[in-house]
């Protein structure tokens, strides 16, 4: 992960984001997210090997196609 890839996972609206320098290595990016979890875009959707950070209706639809619908029994 380079600095540009980190931007895919970070919430740029976070006040912490405005106070930090952009990480330049994978280790720096991971360390920053561990220190400041509010920087991670939410929601985080994990379906099998697919992970989507932040709300993205189009990507949700693409990765959801062909999957069995799950409904609550409540």
PDB file of N, CA and C in Angstrom:
ATOM      1  N   UNK A   1       0.850  -1.172   0.000  1.00  0.00           N
ATOM      2  CA  UNK A   1       0.000   0.000   0.000  1.00  0.00           C
ATOM      3  C   UNK A   1       0.896   1.234   0.000  1.00  0.00           C
ATOM      4  N   UNK A   2       0.636   2.135  -0.918  1.00  0.00           N
ATOM      5  CA  UNK A   2       1.373   3.382  -0.927  1.00  0.00           C
ATOM      6  C   UNK A   2       0.468   4.499  -0.404  1.00  0.00           C
ATOM      7  N   UNK A   3       0.969   5.697  -0.406  1.00  0.00           N
ATOM      8  CA  UNK A   3       0.194   6.823   0.099  1.00  0.00           C
ATOM      9  C   UNK A   3      -1.119   7.012  -0.622  1.00  0.00           C
ATOM     10  N   UNK A   4      -1.135   6.790  -1.919  1.00  0.00           N
ATOM     11  CA  UNK A   4      -2.365   6.966  -2.682  1.00  0.00           C
ATOM     12  C   UNK A   4      -3.401   5.893  -2.339  1.00  0.00           C
ATOM     13  N   UNK A   5      -2.962   4.652  -2.160  1.00  0.00           N
ATOM     14  CA  UNK A   5      -3.902   3.589  -1.790  1.00  0.00           C
ATOM     15  C   UNK A   5      -4.505   3.859  -0.423  1.00  0.00           C
ATOM     16  N   UNK A   6      -3.755   4.443   0.468  1.00  0.00           N
ATOM     17  CA  UNK A   6      -4.260   4.762   1.793  1.00  0.00           C
ATOM     18  C   UNK A   6      -5.489   5.656   1.698  1.00  0.00           C
ATOM     19  N   UNK A   7      -5.539   6.517   0.706  1.00  0.00           N
ATOM     20  CA  UNK A   7      -6.669   7.426   0.551  1.00  0.00           C
ATOM     21  C   UNK A   7      -7.978   6.687   0.313  1.00  0.00           C
ATOM     22  N   UNK A   8      -7.917   5.458  -0.187  1.00  0.00           N
ATOM     23  CA  UNK A   8      -9.123   4.658  -0.395  1.00  0.00           C
ATOM     24  C   UNK A   8      -9.774   4.251   0.921  1.00  0.00           C
ATOM     25  N   UNK A   9      -9.015   4.226   1.991  1.00  0.00           N
ATOM     26  CA  UNK A   9      -9.508   3.717   3.273  1.00  0.00           C
ATOM     27  C   UNK A   9      -9.732   4.801   4.320  1.00  0.00           C
ATOM     28  N   UNK A  10      -9.283   6.011   4.047  1.00  0.00           N
ATOM     29  CA  UNK A  10      -9.307   7.051   5.064  1.00  0.00           C
ATOM     30  C   UNK A  10     -10.493   7.990   4.872  1.00  0.00           C
ATOM     31  N   UNK A  11     -11.046   8.415   6.002  1.00  0.00           N
ATOM     32  CA  UNK A  11     -12.103   9.406   6.004  1.00  0.00           C
ATOM     33  C   UNK A  11     -11.448  10.785   6.049  1.00  0.00           C
ATOM     34  N   UNK A  12     -11.484  11.462   4.932  1.00  0.00           N
ATOM     35  CA  UNK A  12     -10.824  12.772   4.860  1.00  0.00           C
ATOM     36  C   UNK A  12     -11.598  13.849   5.606  1.00  0.00           C
ATOM     37  N   UNK A  13     -12.779  13.534   6.077  1.00  0.00           N
ATOM     38  CA  UNK A  13     -13.570  14.479   6.875  1.00  0.00           C
ATOM     39  C   UNK A  13     -13.141  14.482   8.337  1.00  0.00           C
ATOM     40  N   UNK A  14     -12.376  13.495   8.730  1.00  0.00           N
ATOM     41  CA  UNK A  14     -11.931  13.385  10.115  1.00  0.00           C
ATOM     42  C   UNK A  14     -11.008  14.542  10.470  1.00  0.00           C
ATOM     43  N   UNK A  15     -11.228  15.170  11.643  1.00  0.00           N
ATOM     44  CA  UNK A  15     -10.336  16.243  12.085  1.00  0.00           C
ATOM     45  C   UNK A  15      -8.887  15.773  12.198  1.00  0.00           C
ATOM     46  N   UNK A  16      -8.695  14.509  12.550  1.00  0.00           N
ATOM     47  CA  UNK A  16      -7.347  13.961  12.674  1.00  0.00           C
ATOM     48  C   UNK A  16      -6.640  14.006  11.331  1.00  0.00           C
ATOM     49  N   UNK A  17      -7.371  13.754  10.250  1.00  0.00           N
ATOM     50  CA  UNK A  17      -6.794  13.751   8.910  1.00  0.00           C
ATOM     51  C   UNK A  17      -6.139  15.092   8.593  1.00  0.00           C
ATOM     52  N   UNK A  18      -6.780  16.155   8.999  1.00  0.00           N
ATOM     53  CA  UNK A  18      -6.296  17.492   8.682  1.00  0.00           C
ATOM     54  C   UNK A  18      -5.041  17.859   9.481  1.00  0.00           C
ATOM     55  N   UNK A  19      -4.755  17.106  10.540  1.00  0.00           N
ATOM     56  CA  UNK A  19      -3.624  17.402  11.411  1.00  0.00           C
ATOM     57  C   UNK A  19      -2.421  16.512  11.131  1.00  0.00           C
ATOM     58  N   UNK A  20      -2.537  15.572  10.203  1.00  0.00           N
ATOM     59  CA  UNK A  20      -1.483  14.595   9.953  1.00  0.00           C
ATOM     60  C   UNK A  20      -0.909  14.701   8.553  1.00  0.00           C
ATOM     61  N   UNK A  21       0.333  14.310   8.438  1.00  0.00           N
ATOM     62  CA  UNK A  21       0.954  14.183   7.117  1.00  0.00           C
ATOM     63  C   UNK A  21       0.509  12.859   6.497  1.00  0.00           C
ATOM     64  N   UNK A  22       0.427  12.822   5.206  1.00  0.00           N
ATOM     65  CA  UNK A  22       0.041  11.621   4.488  1.00  0.00           C
ATOM     66  C   UNK A  22       1.108  10.544   4.663  1.00  0.00           C
ATOM     67  N   UNK A  23       0.716   9.319   5.048  1.00  0.00           N
ATOM     68  CA  UNK A  23       1.706   8.252   5.184  1.00  0.00           C
ATOM     69  C   UNK A  23       2.316   7.903   3.827  1.00  0.00           C
ATOM     70  N   UNK A  24       3.564   7.501   3.848  1.00  0.00           N
ATOM     71  CA  UNK A  24       4.250   7.169   2.599  1.00  0.00           C
ATOM     72  C   UNK A  24       4.564   5.685   2.476  1.00  0.00           C
ATOM     73  N   UNK A  25       4.354   4.927   3.565  1.00  0.00           N
ATOM     74  CA  UNK A  25       4.609   3.492   3.529  1.00  0.00           C
ATOM     75  C   UNK A  25       3.410   2.740   4.089  1.00  0.00           C
ATOM     76  N   UNK A  26       3.343   1.465   3.771  1.00  0.00           N
ATOM     77  CA  UNK A  26       2.279   0.609   4.295  1.00  0.00           C
ATOM     78  C   UNK A  26       2.315   0.592   5.818  1.00  0.00           C
ATOM     79  N   UNK A  27       3.510   0.489   6.401  1.00  0.00           N
ATOM     80  CA  UNK A  27       3.638   0.457   7.858  1.00  0.00           C
ATOM     81  C   UNK A  27       3.121   1.749   8.488  1.00  0.00           C
ATOM     82  N   UNK A  28       3.468   2.886   7.907  1.00  0.00           N
ATOM     83  CA  UNK A  28       2.987   4.162   8.439  1.00  0.00           C
ATOM     84  C   UNK A  28       1.465   4.248   8.371  1.00  0.00           C
ATOM     85  N   UNK A  29       0.891   3.789   7.269  1.00  0.00           N
ATOM     86  CA  UNK A  29      -0.559   3.829   7.107  1.00  0.00           C
ATOM     87  C   UNK A  29      -1.247   2.937   8.136  1.00  0.00           C
ATOM     88  N   UNK A  30      -0.750   1.739   8.319  1.00  0.00           N
ATOM     89  CA  UNK A  30      -1.338   0.817   9.297  1.00  0.00           C
ATOM     90  C   UNK A  30      -1.184   1.367  10.708  1.00  0.00           C
ATOM     91  N   UNK A  31       0.001   1.868  11.032  1.00  0.00           N
ATOM     92  CA  UNK A  31       0.230   2.450  12.363  1.00  0.00           C
ATOM     93  C   UNK A  31      -0.723   3.610  12.625  1.00  0.00           C
ATOM     94  N   UNK A  32      -0.924   4.453  11.636  1.00  0.00           N
ATOM     95  CA  UNK A  32      -1.815   5.597  11.794  1.00  0.00           C
ATOM     96  C   UNK A  32      -3.253   5.151  12.016  1.00  0.00           C
ATOM     97  N   UNK A  33      -3.704   4.144  11.246  1.00  0.00           N
ATOM     98  CA  UNK A  33      -5.073   3.640  11.424  1.00  0.00           C
ATOM     99  C   UNK A  33      -5.245   2.967  12.780  1.00  0.00           C
ATOM    100  N   UNK A  34      -4.194   2.305  13.275  1.00  0.00           N
ATOM    101  CA  UNK A  34      -4.280   1.683  14.598  1.00  0.00           C
ATOM    102  C   UNK A  34      -4.323   2.740  15.693  1.00  0.00           C
ATOM    103  N   UNK A  35      -3.571   3.813  15.521  1.00  0.00           N
ATOM    104  CA  UNK A  35      -3.543   4.896  16.517  1.00  0.00           C
ATOM    105  C   UNK A  35      -4.822   5.727  16.468  1.00  0.00           C
ATOM    106  N   UNK A  36      -5.368   5.884  15.284  1.00  0.00           N
ATOM    107  CA  UNK A  36      -6.536   6.747  15.081  1.00  0.00           C
ATOM    108  C   UNK A  36      -7.609   6.009  14.271  1.00  0.00           C
ATOM    109  N   UNK A  37      -8.326   5.058  14.886  1.00  0.00           N
ATOM    110  CA  UNK A  37      -9.303   4.271  14.134  1.00  0.00           C
ATOM    111  C   UNK A  37     -10.420   5.107  13.502  1.00  0.00           C
ATOM    112  N   UNK A  38     -10.627   6.326  14.005  1.00  0.00           N
ATOM    113  CA  UNK A  38     -11.654   7.184  13.402  1.00  0.00           C
ATOM    114  C   UNK A  38     -11.274   7.622  11.989  1.00  0.00           C
ATOM    115  N   UNK A  39     -10.044   7.406  11.601  1.00  0.00           N
ATOM    116  CA  UNK A  39      -9.614   7.726  10.236  1.00  0.00           C
ATOM    117  C   UNK A  39     -10.140   6.720   9.216  1.00  0.00           C
ATOM    118  N   UNK A  40     -10.501   5.529   9.661  1.00  0.00           N
ATOM    119  CA  UNK A  40     -10.947   4.481   8.738  1.00  0.00           C
ATOM    120  C   UNK A  40     -12.361   4.795   8.265  1.00  0.00           C
ATOM    121  N   UNK A  41     -12.548   4.787   6.935  1.00  0.00           N
ATOM    122  CA  UNK A  41     -13.873   5.034   6.364  1.00  0.00           C
ATOM    123  C   UNK A  41     -14.850   4.001   6.879  1.00  0.00           C
ATOM    124  N   UNK A  42     -16.051   4.438   7.118  1.00  0.00           N
ATOM    125  CA  UNK A  42     -17.100   3.543   7.557  1.00  0.00           C
ATOM    126  C   UNK A  42     -18.293   3.700   6.643  1.00  0.00           C
ATOM    127  N   UNK A  43     -19.104   2.697   6.508  1.00  0.00           N
ATOM    128  CA  UNK A  43     -18.952   1.366   7.067  1.00  0.00           C
ATOM    129  C   UNK A  43     -17.883   0.569   6.321  1.00  0.00           C
ATOM    130  N   UNK A  44     -17.468  -0.517   6.941  1.00  0.00           N
ATOM    131  CA  UNK A  44     -16.553  -1.456   6.297  1.00  0.00           C
ATOM    132  C   UNK A  44     -17.373  -2.712   6.021  1.00  0.00           C
ATOM    133  N   UNK A  45     -17.546  -3.027   4.757  1.00  0.00           N
ATOM    134  CA  UNK A  45     -18.332  -4.193   4.353  1.00  0.00           C
ATOM    135  C   UNK A  45     -17.376  -5.282   3.894  1.00  0.00           C
ATOM    136  N   UNK A  46     -17.492  -6.468   4.514  1.00  0.00           N
ATOM    137  CA  UNK A  46     -16.651  -7.602   4.152  1.00  0.00           C
ATOM    138  C   UNK A  46     -17.563  -8.736   3.712  1.00  0.00           C
ATOM    139  N   UNK A  47     -17.401  -9.149   2.454  1.00  0.00           N
ATOM    140  CA  UNK A  47     -18.147 -10.286   1.918  1.00  0.00           C
ATOM    141  C   UNK A  47     -17.136 -11.213   1.268  1.00  0.00           C
ATOM    142  N   UNK A  48     -16.801 -12.282   1.945  1.00  0.00           N
ATOM    143  CA  UNK A  48     -15.782 -13.197   1.425  1.00  0.00           C
ATOM    144  C   UNK A  48     -14.446 -12.482   1.351  1.00  0.00           C
ATOM    145  N   UNK A  49     -13.867 -12.438   0.167  1.00  0.00           N
ATOM    146  CA  UNK A  49     -12.571 -11.779   0.001  1.00  0.00           C
ATOM    147  C   UNK A  49     -12.714 -10.313  -0.415  1.00  0.00           C
ATOM    148  N   UNK A  50     -13.941  -9.850  -0.607  1.00  0.00           N
ATOM    149  CA  UNK A  50     -14.192  -8.460  -0.997  1.00  0.00           C
ATOM    150  C   UNK A  50     -14.347  -7.585   0.247  1.00  0.00           C
ATOM    151  N   UNK A  51     -13.717  -6.414   0.215  1.00  0.00           N
ATOM    152  CA  UNK A  51     -13.839  -5.441   1.297  1.00  0.00           C
ATOM    153  C   UNK A  51     -14.110  -4.083   0.673  1.00  0.00           C
ATOM    154  N   UNK A  52     -15.143  -3.397   1.175  1.00  0.00           N
ATOM    155  CA  UNK A  52     -15.483  -2.066   0.695  1.00  0.00           C
ATOM    156  C   UNK A  52     -15.444  -1.123   1.888  1.00  0.00           C
ATOM    157  N   UNK A  53     -14.646  -0.061   1.764  1.00  0.00           N
ATOM    158  CA  UNK A  53     -14.561   0.960   2.810  1.00  0.00           C
ATOM    159  C   UNK A  53     -15.422   2.135   2.399  1.00  0.00           C
ATOM    160  N   UNK A  54     -16.314   2.569   3.300  1.00  0.00           N
ATOM    161  CA  UNK A  54     -17.209   3.678   3.002  1.00  0.00           C
ATOM    162  C   UNK A  54     -18.408   3.198   2.212  1.00  0.00           C
ATOM    163  N   UNK A  55     -19.469   4.016   2.214  1.00  0.00           N
ATOM    164  CA  UNK A  55     -20.687   3.630   1.516  1.00  0.00           C
ATOM    165  C   UNK A  55     -20.492   3.792   0.018  1.00  0.00           C
ATOM    166  N   UNK A  56     -20.721   2.726  -0.723  1.00  0.00           N
ATOM    167  CA  UNK A  56     -20.596   2.735  -2.179  1.00  0.00           C
ATOM    168  C   UNK A  56     -21.675   1.820  -2.739  1.00  0.00           C
ATOM    169  N   UNK A  57     -22.828   2.388  -3.014  1.00  0.00           N
ATOM    170  CA  UNK A  57     -23.991   1.613  -3.448  1.00  0.00           C
ATOM    171  C   UNK A  57     -23.692   0.769  -4.682  1.00  0.00           C
ATOM    172  N   UNK A  58     -22.960   1.343  -5.635  1.00  0.00           N
ATOM    173  CA  UNK A  58     -22.649   0.614  -6.868  1.00  0.00           C
ATOM    174  C   UNK A  58     -21.794  -0.625  -6.578  1.00  0.00           C
ATOM    175  N   UNK A  59     -20.756  -0.476  -5.777  1.00  0.00           N
ATOM    176  CA  UNK A  59     -19.902  -1.630  -5.446  1.00  0.00           C
ATOM    177  C   UNK A  59     -20.667  -2.650  -4.626  1.00  0.00           C
ATOM    178  N   UNK A  60     -21.532  -2.193  -3.712  1.00  0.00           N
ATOM    179  CA  UNK A  60     -22.342  -3.133  -2.932  1.00  0.00           C
ATOM    180  C   UNK A  60     -23.165  -4.001  -3.867  1.00  0.00           C
ATOM    181  N   UNK A  61     -23.768  -3.371  -4.881  1.00  0.00           N
ATOM    182  CA  UNK A  61     -24.582  -4.110  -5.831  1.00  0.00           C
ATOM    183  C   UNK A  61     -23.768  -5.124  -6.621  1.00  0.00           C
ATOM    184  N   UNK A  62     -22.572  -4.726  -7.034  1.00  0.00           N
ATOM    185  CA  UNK A  62     -21.724  -5.614  -7.827  1.00  0.00           C
ATOM    186  C   UNK A  62     -21.276  -6.836  -7.027  1.00  0.00           C
ATOM    187  N   UNK A  63     -20.837  -6.624  -5.796  1.00  0.00           N
ATOM    188  CA  UNK A  63     -20.347  -7.772  -5.030  1.00  0.00           C
ATOM    189  C   UNK A  63     -21.490  -8.588  -4.447  1.00  0.00           C
ATOM    190  N   UNK A  64     -22.682  -7.979  -4.378  1.00  0.00           N
ATOM    191  CA  UNK A  64     -23.832  -8.692  -3.845  1.00  0.00           C
ATOM    192  C   UNK A  64     -24.526  -9.575  -4.871  1.00  0.00           C
ATOM    193  N   UNK A  65     -24.290  -9.318  -6.167  1.00  0.00           N
ATOM    194  CA  UNK A  65     -24.932 -10.119  -7.216  1.00  0.00           C
ATOM    195  C   UNK A  65     -24.480 -11.566  -7.125  1.00  0.00           C
ATOM    196  N   UNK A  66     -25.428 -12.446  -7.221  1.00  0.00           N
ATOM    197  CA  UNK A  66     -25.111 -13.866  -7.209  1.00  0.00           C
ATOM    198  C   UNK A  66     -24.983 -14.434  -5.806  1.00  0.00           C
ATOM    199  N   UNK A  67     -25.070 -13.583  -4.812  1.00  0.00           N
ATOM    200  CA  UNK A  67     -25.009 -14.082  -3.431  1.00  0.00           C
ATOM    201  C   UNK A  67     -26.425 -14.358  -2.954  1.00  0.00           C
ATOM    202  N   UNK A  68     -26.528 -15.344  -2.117  1.00  0.00           N
ATOM    203  CA  UNK A  68     -27.801 -15.719  -1.533  1.00  0.00           C
ATOM    204  C   UNK A  68     -28.279 -14.597  -0.615  1.00  0.00           C
ATOM    205  N   UNK A  69     -29.531 -14.212  -0.757  1.00  0.00           N
ATOM    206  CA  UNK A  69     -30.077 -13.157   0.089  1.00  0.00           C
ATOM    207  C   UNK A  69     -30.261 -13.681   1.507  1.00  0.00           C
ATOM    208  N   UNK A  70     -29.862 -12.885   2.464  1.00  0.00           N
ATOM    209  CA  UNK A  70     -29.993 -13.256   3.870  1.00  0.00           C
ATOM    210  C   UNK A  70     -31.028 -12.343   4.494  1.00  0.00           C
ATOM    211  N   UNK A  71     -32.027 -12.941   5.123  1.00  0.00           N
ATOM    212  CA  UNK A  71     -33.069 -12.149   5.775  1.00  0.00           C
ATOM    213  C   UNK A  71     -33.146 -12.515   7.240  1.00  0.00           C
ATOM    214  N   UNK A  72     -33.480 -11.548   8.014  1.00  0.00           N
ATOM    215  CA  UNK A  72     -33.641 -11.766   9.447  1.00  0.00           C
ATOM    216  C   UNK A  72     -34.937 -12.533   9.695  1.00  0.00           C
ATOM    217  N   UNK A  73     -34.922 -13.395  10.686  1.00  0.00           N
ATOM    218  CA  UNK A  73     -36.121 -14.159  11.013  1.00  0.00           C
ATOM    219  C   UNK A  73     -36.906 -13.481  12.125  1.00  0.00           C
ATOM    220  N   UNK A  74     -36.457 -12.335  12.559  1.00  0.00           N
ATOM    221  CA  UNK A  74     -37.151 -11.629  13.648  1.00  0.00           C
ATOM    222  C   UNK A  74     -38.373 -10.915  13.168  1.00  0.00           C
TER     223      UNK A  74
END
